[in-house]
């Protein structure tokens, strides 16, 4: 029998493993997906840290025998908003990098460096004759 705790811990593990694998890729789109998976894993972990109970009110009243902690739910809601905003920022940075370099590789090595332009309009570093 699979319990809810086992399901949540498996989801956190799978999301974390997939996120780390995608972050280690050399293209921007998998890196963005990996960061999203990592933020989802953190959100599920935060949500599970507030005790997994069903049909319990978030506030203790005189009629409720127990309650669920509302703080992790508020933290997850805040984390969702922040991760959505940061994903939008990272997508815009990746788009601007692709538009400027016409390549979406993450590494900074260039196989063909751009030519040096001298003041005379000549390219290269040859000595003047």
N, C-alpha and C. Protein backbone atom coordinates (compact mmCIF):
# COMPACT_ATOMS: atom_id res chain seq x y z
N UNK A 1 0.84 -1.18 0.00
CA UNK A 1 0.00 0.00 0.00
C UNK A 1 0.89 1.24 0.00
N UNK A 2 0.61 2.15 -0.93
CA UNK A 2 1.42 3.37 -1.05
C UNK A 2 0.78 4.47 -0.20
N UNK A 3 1.57 5.04 0.66
CA UNK A 3 1.06 6.13 1.49
C UNK A 3 1.30 7.46 0.80
N UNK A 4 0.63 8.49 1.32
CA UNK A 4 0.77 9.82 0.75
C UNK A 4 2.19 10.35 0.96
N UNK A 5 2.80 10.01 2.09
CA UNK A 5 4.16 10.46 2.36
C UNK A 5 5.15 9.87 1.35
N UNK A 6 4.96 8.59 1.02
CA UNK A 6 5.83 7.96 0.03
C UNK A 6 5.64 8.58 -1.35
N UNK A 7 4.40 8.89 -1.69
CA UNK A 7 4.11 9.52 -2.97
C UNK A 7 4.75 10.91 -3.05
N UNK A 8 4.60 11.69 -1.99
CA UNK A 8 5.18 13.04 -2.00
C UNK A 8 6.71 12.99 -2.02
N UNK A 9 7.30 12.09 -1.22
CA UNK A 9 8.77 12.03 -1.22
C UNK A 9 9.30 11.53 -2.56
N UNK A 10 8.58 10.61 -3.19
CA UNK A 10 8.99 10.16 -4.53
C UNK A 10 8.88 11.29 -5.55
N UNK A 11 7.81 12.08 -5.44
CA UNK A 11 7.65 13.22 -6.36
C UNK A 11 8.77 14.23 -6.18
N UNK A 12 9.13 14.50 -4.93
CA UNK A 12 10.23 15.45 -4.68
C UNK A 12 11.54 14.90 -5.24
N UNK A 13 11.79 13.61 -5.05
CA UNK A 13 13.02 13.01 -5.57
C UNK A 13 13.09 13.01 -7.08
N UNK A 14 11.99 12.66 -7.74
CA UNK A 14 11.98 12.63 -9.20
C UNK A 14 12.12 14.03 -9.77
N UNK A 15 11.41 15.00 -9.20
CA UNK A 15 11.51 16.37 -9.69
C UNK A 15 12.91 16.94 -9.48
N UNK A 16 13.51 16.62 -8.34
CA UNK A 16 14.87 17.11 -8.08
C UNK A 16 15.88 16.47 -9.03
N UNK A 17 15.77 15.16 -9.24
CA UNK A 17 16.70 14.48 -10.15
C UNK A 17 16.55 14.99 -11.58
N UNK A 18 15.31 15.15 -12.04
CA UNK A 18 15.09 15.67 -13.39
C UNK A 18 15.58 17.11 -13.51
N UNK A 19 15.35 17.90 -12.47
CA UNK A 19 15.81 19.30 -12.50
C UNK A 19 17.32 19.42 -12.55
N UNK A 20 18.01 18.63 -11.75
CA UNK A 20 19.48 18.68 -11.75
C UNK A 20 20.03 18.19 -13.09
N UNK A 21 19.44 17.13 -13.62
CA UNK A 21 19.89 16.63 -14.94
C UNK A 21 19.72 17.70 -16.01
N UNK A 22 18.58 18.38 -16.02
CA UNK A 22 18.33 19.39 -17.05
C UNK A 22 19.18 20.64 -16.85
N UNK A 23 19.47 21.00 -15.61
CA UNK A 23 20.31 22.18 -15.36
C UNK A 23 21.73 21.95 -15.86
N UNK A 24 22.17 20.70 -15.86
CA UNK A 24 23.53 20.39 -16.31
C UNK A 24 23.67 20.30 -17.83
N UNK A 25 22.61 20.52 -18.58
CA UNK A 25 22.68 20.51 -20.04
C UNK A 25 23.34 21.81 -20.52
N UNK A 26 23.71 21.84 -21.79
CA UNK A 26 24.42 23.00 -22.32
C UNK A 26 23.55 23.90 -23.19
N UNK A 27 22.25 23.74 -23.12
CA UNK A 27 21.32 24.59 -23.88
C UNK A 27 20.42 25.33 -22.90
N UNK A 28 19.94 26.49 -23.31
CA UNK A 28 19.19 27.32 -22.37
C UNK A 28 17.81 26.77 -22.07
N UNK A 29 17.11 26.20 -23.04
CA UNK A 29 15.76 25.71 -22.78
C UNK A 29 15.73 24.58 -21.74
N UNK A 30 16.60 23.56 -21.84
CA UNK A 30 16.62 22.55 -20.77
C UNK A 30 17.01 23.12 -19.41
N UNK A 31 17.87 24.13 -19.38
CA UNK A 31 18.25 24.75 -18.11
C UNK A 31 17.04 25.44 -17.49
N UNK A 32 16.26 26.12 -18.29
CA UNK A 32 15.06 26.79 -17.78
C UNK A 32 14.05 25.76 -17.27
N UNK A 33 13.87 24.66 -18.01
CA UNK A 33 12.98 23.60 -17.54
C UNK A 33 13.50 22.96 -16.25
N UNK A 34 14.81 22.78 -16.15
CA UNK A 34 15.40 22.22 -14.94
C UNK A 34 15.20 23.11 -13.73
N UNK A 35 15.35 24.41 -13.92
CA UNK A 35 15.09 25.34 -12.81
C UNK A 35 13.63 25.32 -12.40
N UNK A 36 12.74 25.17 -13.37
CA UNK A 36 11.32 25.06 -13.06
C UNK A 36 11.04 23.78 -12.27
N UNK A 37 11.64 22.66 -12.68
CA UNK A 37 11.44 21.41 -11.96
C UNK A 37 11.98 21.50 -10.53
N UNK A 38 13.13 22.16 -10.37
CA UNK A 38 13.67 22.33 -9.03
C UNK A 38 12.76 23.19 -8.15
N UNK A 39 12.18 24.23 -8.73
CA UNK A 39 11.26 25.06 -7.94
C UNK A 39 9.99 24.28 -7.60
N UNK A 40 9.52 23.42 -8.52
CA UNK A 40 8.36 22.57 -8.21
C UNK A 40 8.70 21.60 -7.08
N UNK A 41 9.90 21.05 -7.09
CA UNK A 41 10.31 20.12 -6.03
C UNK A 41 10.35 20.83 -4.68
N UNK A 42 10.85 22.04 -4.65
CA UNK A 42 10.88 22.80 -3.40
C UNK A 42 9.46 23.12 -2.94
N UNK A 43 8.58 23.45 -3.88
CA UNK A 43 7.19 23.74 -3.51
C UNK A 43 6.51 22.51 -2.92
N UNK A 44 6.69 21.36 -3.52
CA UNK A 44 6.09 20.13 -2.99
C UNK A 44 6.68 19.80 -1.62
N UNK A 45 7.99 20.01 -1.46
CA UNK A 45 8.63 19.77 -0.17
C UNK A 45 8.08 20.71 0.90
N UNK A 46 7.94 21.99 0.56
CA UNK A 46 7.37 22.94 1.53
C UNK A 46 5.93 22.59 1.88
N UNK A 47 5.17 22.19 0.88
CA UNK A 47 3.79 21.82 1.12
C UNK A 47 3.69 20.59 2.04
N UNK A 48 4.58 19.62 1.83
CA UNK A 48 4.56 18.41 2.65
C UNK A 48 5.09 18.65 4.06
N UNK A 49 5.84 19.73 4.26
CA UNK A 49 6.38 19.99 5.59
C UNK A 49 5.31 20.44 6.58
N UNK A 50 4.13 20.76 6.11
CA UNK A 50 3.06 21.21 6.99
C UNK A 50 2.14 20.09 7.41
N UNK A 51 2.61 18.88 7.51
CA UNK A 51 1.82 17.70 7.86
C UNK A 51 0.74 17.46 6.82
N UNK A 52 0.76 16.31 6.25
CA UNK A 52 -0.20 15.94 5.22
C UNK A 52 -1.47 15.41 5.88
N UNK A 53 -2.46 16.26 6.03
CA UNK A 53 -3.74 15.85 6.59
C UNK A 53 -4.85 16.21 5.61
N UNK A 54 -5.93 15.47 5.66
CA UNK A 54 -7.04 15.66 4.73
C UNK A 54 -8.27 16.09 5.52
N UNK A 55 -9.04 17.00 4.95
CA UNK A 55 -10.30 17.47 5.51
C UNK A 55 -10.14 18.09 6.91
N UNK A 56 -9.08 18.85 7.10
CA UNK A 56 -8.88 19.56 8.35
C UNK A 56 -8.87 21.06 8.07
N UNK A 57 -9.46 21.87 8.93
CA UNK A 57 -9.48 23.32 8.69
C UNK A 57 -8.10 23.92 8.95
N UNK A 58 -7.79 25.05 8.30
CA UNK A 58 -6.49 25.68 8.53
C UNK A 58 -6.44 26.48 9.83
N UNK A 59 -7.59 26.69 10.48
CA UNK A 59 -7.63 27.45 11.73
C UNK A 59 -8.34 26.60 12.77
N UNK A 60 -7.81 26.55 13.96
CA UNK A 60 -8.40 25.78 15.03
C UNK A 60 -9.60 26.53 15.59
N UNK A 61 -10.75 25.91 15.54
CA UNK A 61 -11.98 26.49 16.11
C UNK A 61 -12.46 25.59 17.24
N UNK A 62 -13.53 25.99 17.88
CA UNK A 62 -14.03 25.18 19.00
C UNK A 62 -14.68 23.88 18.52
N UNK A 63 -15.01 23.80 17.21
CA UNK A 63 -15.63 22.59 16.67
C UNK A 63 -14.61 21.63 16.06
N UNK A 64 -13.45 22.11 15.73
CA UNK A 64 -12.43 21.27 15.09
C UNK A 64 -11.54 20.64 16.16
N UNK A 65 -11.28 19.36 15.99
CA UNK A 65 -10.42 18.66 16.95
C UNK A 65 -8.94 18.88 16.64
N UNK A 66 -8.61 19.02 15.36
CA UNK A 66 -7.23 19.31 14.95
C UNK A 66 -7.28 20.22 13.74
N UNK A 67 -6.14 20.71 13.34
CA UNK A 67 -6.07 21.62 12.20
C UNK A 67 -4.80 21.38 11.43
N UNK A 68 -4.77 21.88 10.23
CA UNK A 68 -3.56 21.81 9.40
C UNK A 68 -2.85 23.16 9.45
N UNK A 69 -1.56 23.12 9.33
CA UNK A 69 -0.75 24.34 9.43
C UNK A 69 -0.90 25.17 8.15
N UNK A 70 -1.37 26.42 8.24
CA UNK A 70 -1.54 27.23 7.04
C UNK A 70 -0.25 27.88 6.55
N UNK A 71 0.81 27.90 7.36
CA UNK A 71 2.04 28.57 6.96
C UNK A 71 2.71 27.94 5.74
N UNK A 72 2.86 26.62 5.63
CA UNK A 72 3.45 26.06 4.40
C UNK A 72 2.63 26.36 3.16
N UNK A 73 1.31 26.41 3.30
CA UNK A 73 0.48 26.75 2.15
C UNK A 73 0.74 28.18 1.69
N UNK A 74 0.89 29.09 2.64
CA UNK A 74 1.21 30.48 2.29
C UNK A 74 2.61 30.59 1.68
N UNK A 75 3.55 29.82 2.21
CA UNK A 75 4.91 29.83 1.65
C UNK A 75 4.93 29.29 0.22
N UNK A 76 4.17 28.23 -0.04
CA UNK A 76 4.12 27.65 -1.38
C UNK A 76 3.48 28.62 -2.35
N UNK A 77 2.41 29.28 -1.92
CA UNK A 77 1.77 30.27 -2.79
C UNK A 77 2.72 31.40 -3.14
N UNK A 78 3.48 31.88 -2.16
CA UNK A 78 4.47 32.92 -2.41
C UNK A 78 5.59 32.41 -3.33
N UNK A 79 6.02 31.17 -3.10
CA UNK A 79 7.09 30.60 -3.93
C UNK A 79 6.64 30.40 -5.36
N UNK A 80 5.37 30.07 -5.57
CA UNK A 80 4.86 29.92 -6.94
C UNK A 80 4.93 31.25 -7.67
N UNK A 81 4.52 32.31 -7.02
CA UNK A 81 4.55 33.64 -7.65
C UNK A 81 5.98 34.06 -7.95
N UNK A 82 6.88 33.85 -7.01
CA UNK A 82 8.27 34.24 -7.21
C UNK A 82 8.91 33.40 -8.31
N UNK A 83 8.66 32.10 -8.33
CA UNK A 83 9.28 31.26 -9.38
C UNK A 83 8.72 31.58 -10.75
N UNK A 84 7.44 31.95 -10.83
CA UNK A 84 6.89 32.37 -12.12
C UNK A 84 7.57 33.64 -12.62
N UNK A 85 7.76 34.60 -11.73
CA UNK A 85 8.45 35.84 -12.12
C UNK A 85 9.90 35.60 -12.51
N UNK A 86 10.59 34.76 -11.75
CA UNK A 86 11.99 34.49 -12.08
C UNK A 86 12.13 33.67 -13.36
N UNK A 87 11.18 32.80 -13.63
CA UNK A 87 11.20 32.06 -14.89
C UNK A 87 11.02 33.02 -16.06
N UNK A 88 10.14 34.00 -15.91
CA UNK A 88 9.96 35.00 -16.97
C UNK A 88 11.23 35.80 -17.19
N UNK A 89 11.93 36.15 -16.12
CA UNK A 89 13.19 36.89 -16.24
C UNK A 89 14.25 36.04 -16.94
N UNK A 90 14.37 34.78 -16.56
CA UNK A 90 15.38 33.90 -17.16
C UNK A 90 15.06 33.66 -18.64
N UNK A 91 13.78 33.51 -18.97
CA UNK A 91 13.41 33.33 -20.38
C UNK A 91 13.78 34.57 -21.19
N UNK A 92 13.56 35.75 -20.65
CA UNK A 92 13.92 36.98 -21.38
C UNK A 92 15.43 37.12 -21.53
N UNK A 93 16.19 36.75 -20.51
CA UNK A 93 17.65 36.79 -20.61
C UNK A 93 18.14 35.79 -21.66
N UNK A 94 17.56 34.59 -21.66
CA UNK A 94 17.95 33.58 -22.65
C UNK A 94 17.56 34.02 -24.06
N UNK A 95 16.41 34.64 -24.20
CA UNK A 95 15.99 35.13 -25.52
C UNK A 95 16.91 36.23 -26.01
N UNK A 96 17.30 37.14 -25.14
CA UNK A 96 18.21 38.21 -25.57
C UNK A 96 19.59 37.66 -25.90
N UNK A 97 20.04 36.64 -25.16
CA UNK A 97 21.34 36.03 -25.48
C UNK A 97 21.28 35.31 -26.81
N UNK A 98 20.16 34.64 -27.09
CA UNK A 98 20.02 33.97 -28.38
C UNK A 98 19.95 34.98 -29.52
N UNK A 99 19.24 36.08 -29.33
CA UNK A 99 19.14 37.09 -30.38
C UNK A 99 20.48 37.77 -30.65
N UNK A 100 21.32 37.91 -29.63
CA UNK A 100 22.60 38.57 -29.85
C UNK A 100 23.65 37.61 -30.41
N UNK A 101 23.62 36.34 -30.02
CA UNK A 101 24.67 35.41 -30.45
C UNK A 101 24.18 34.38 -31.46
N UNK A 102 22.88 34.28 -31.69
CA UNK A 102 22.28 33.29 -32.59
C UNK A 102 22.67 31.86 -32.18
N UNK A 103 22.83 31.67 -30.88
CA UNK A 103 23.16 30.36 -30.34
C UNK A 103 22.60 30.28 -28.94
N UNK A 104 22.16 29.11 -28.52
CA UNK A 104 21.58 28.99 -27.19
C UNK A 104 22.42 28.13 -26.25
N UNK A 105 23.70 28.04 -26.54
CA UNK A 105 24.58 27.28 -25.65
C UNK A 105 24.84 28.08 -24.38
N UNK A 106 25.00 27.36 -23.27
CA UNK A 106 25.21 28.00 -21.98
C UNK A 106 26.68 28.30 -21.75
N UNK A 107 27.59 27.46 -22.27
CA UNK A 107 29.01 27.67 -22.02
C UNK A 107 29.49 28.93 -22.73
N UNK A 108 30.58 29.48 -22.25
CA UNK A 108 31.07 30.76 -22.75
C UNK A 108 32.20 30.63 -23.75
N UNK A 109 32.57 29.43 -24.14
CA UNK A 109 33.66 29.26 -25.09
C UNK A 109 33.17 29.53 -26.50
N UNK A 110 33.95 30.29 -27.26
CA UNK A 110 33.64 30.54 -28.66
C UNK A 110 34.69 29.84 -29.51
N UNK A 111 34.22 29.04 -30.47
CA UNK A 111 35.16 28.39 -31.36
C UNK A 111 35.78 29.39 -32.34
N UNK A 112 34.99 30.32 -32.83
CA UNK A 112 35.46 31.33 -33.76
C UNK A 112 35.24 32.71 -33.14
N UNK A 113 36.29 33.30 -32.56
CA UNK A 113 36.10 34.63 -31.97
C UNK A 113 35.85 35.67 -33.07
N UNK A 114 35.11 36.71 -32.74
CA UNK A 114 34.86 37.74 -33.75
C UNK A 114 36.16 38.43 -34.15
N UNK A 115 36.28 38.88 -35.41
CA UNK A 115 37.52 39.52 -35.85
C UNK A 115 37.71 40.87 -35.16
N UNK A 116 38.99 41.23 -34.99
CA UNK A 116 39.33 42.53 -34.41
C UNK A 116 39.18 43.61 -35.48
N UNK A 117 38.45 44.63 -35.21
CA UNK A 117 38.31 45.74 -36.13
C UNK A 117 39.24 46.87 -35.68
N UNK A 118 40.17 47.21 -36.58
CA UNK A 118 41.06 48.34 -36.28
C UNK A 118 40.36 49.64 -36.64
N UNK A 119 41.01 50.74 -36.31
CA UNK A 119 40.44 52.05 -36.64
C UNK A 119 40.42 52.27 -38.15
N UNK A 120 41.34 51.65 -38.89
CA UNK A 120 41.42 51.83 -40.32
C UNK A 120 40.36 50.99 -41.06
N UNK A 121 39.68 50.16 -40.32
CA UNK A 121 38.67 49.31 -40.94
C UNK A 121 39.23 47.95 -41.36
N UNK A 122 40.54 47.74 -41.11
CA UNK A 122 41.14 46.47 -41.46
C UNK A 122 40.87 45.47 -40.34
N UNK A 123 40.75 44.22 -40.70
CA UNK A 123 40.53 43.20 -39.71
C UNK A 123 41.80 42.41 -39.52
N UNK A 124 41.94 41.77 -38.35
CA UNK A 124 43.10 40.96 -38.10
C UNK A 124 44.15 41.74 -37.32
N UNK A 125 45.21 41.04 -36.97
CA UNK A 125 46.27 41.67 -36.19
C UNK A 125 47.60 41.66 -36.93
N UNK A 126 47.55 41.76 -38.27
CA UNK A 126 48.78 41.77 -39.02
C UNK A 126 49.50 43.12 -38.82
N UNK A 127 50.80 43.05 -38.92
CA UNK A 127 51.60 44.28 -38.79
C UNK A 127 51.43 45.10 -40.06
N UNK A 128 51.35 46.43 -39.92
CA UNK A 128 51.20 47.28 -41.12
C UNK A 128 52.44 47.19 -41.99
N UNK A 129 52.28 47.23 -43.31
CA UNK A 129 53.43 47.11 -44.21
C UNK A 129 53.83 48.46 -44.77
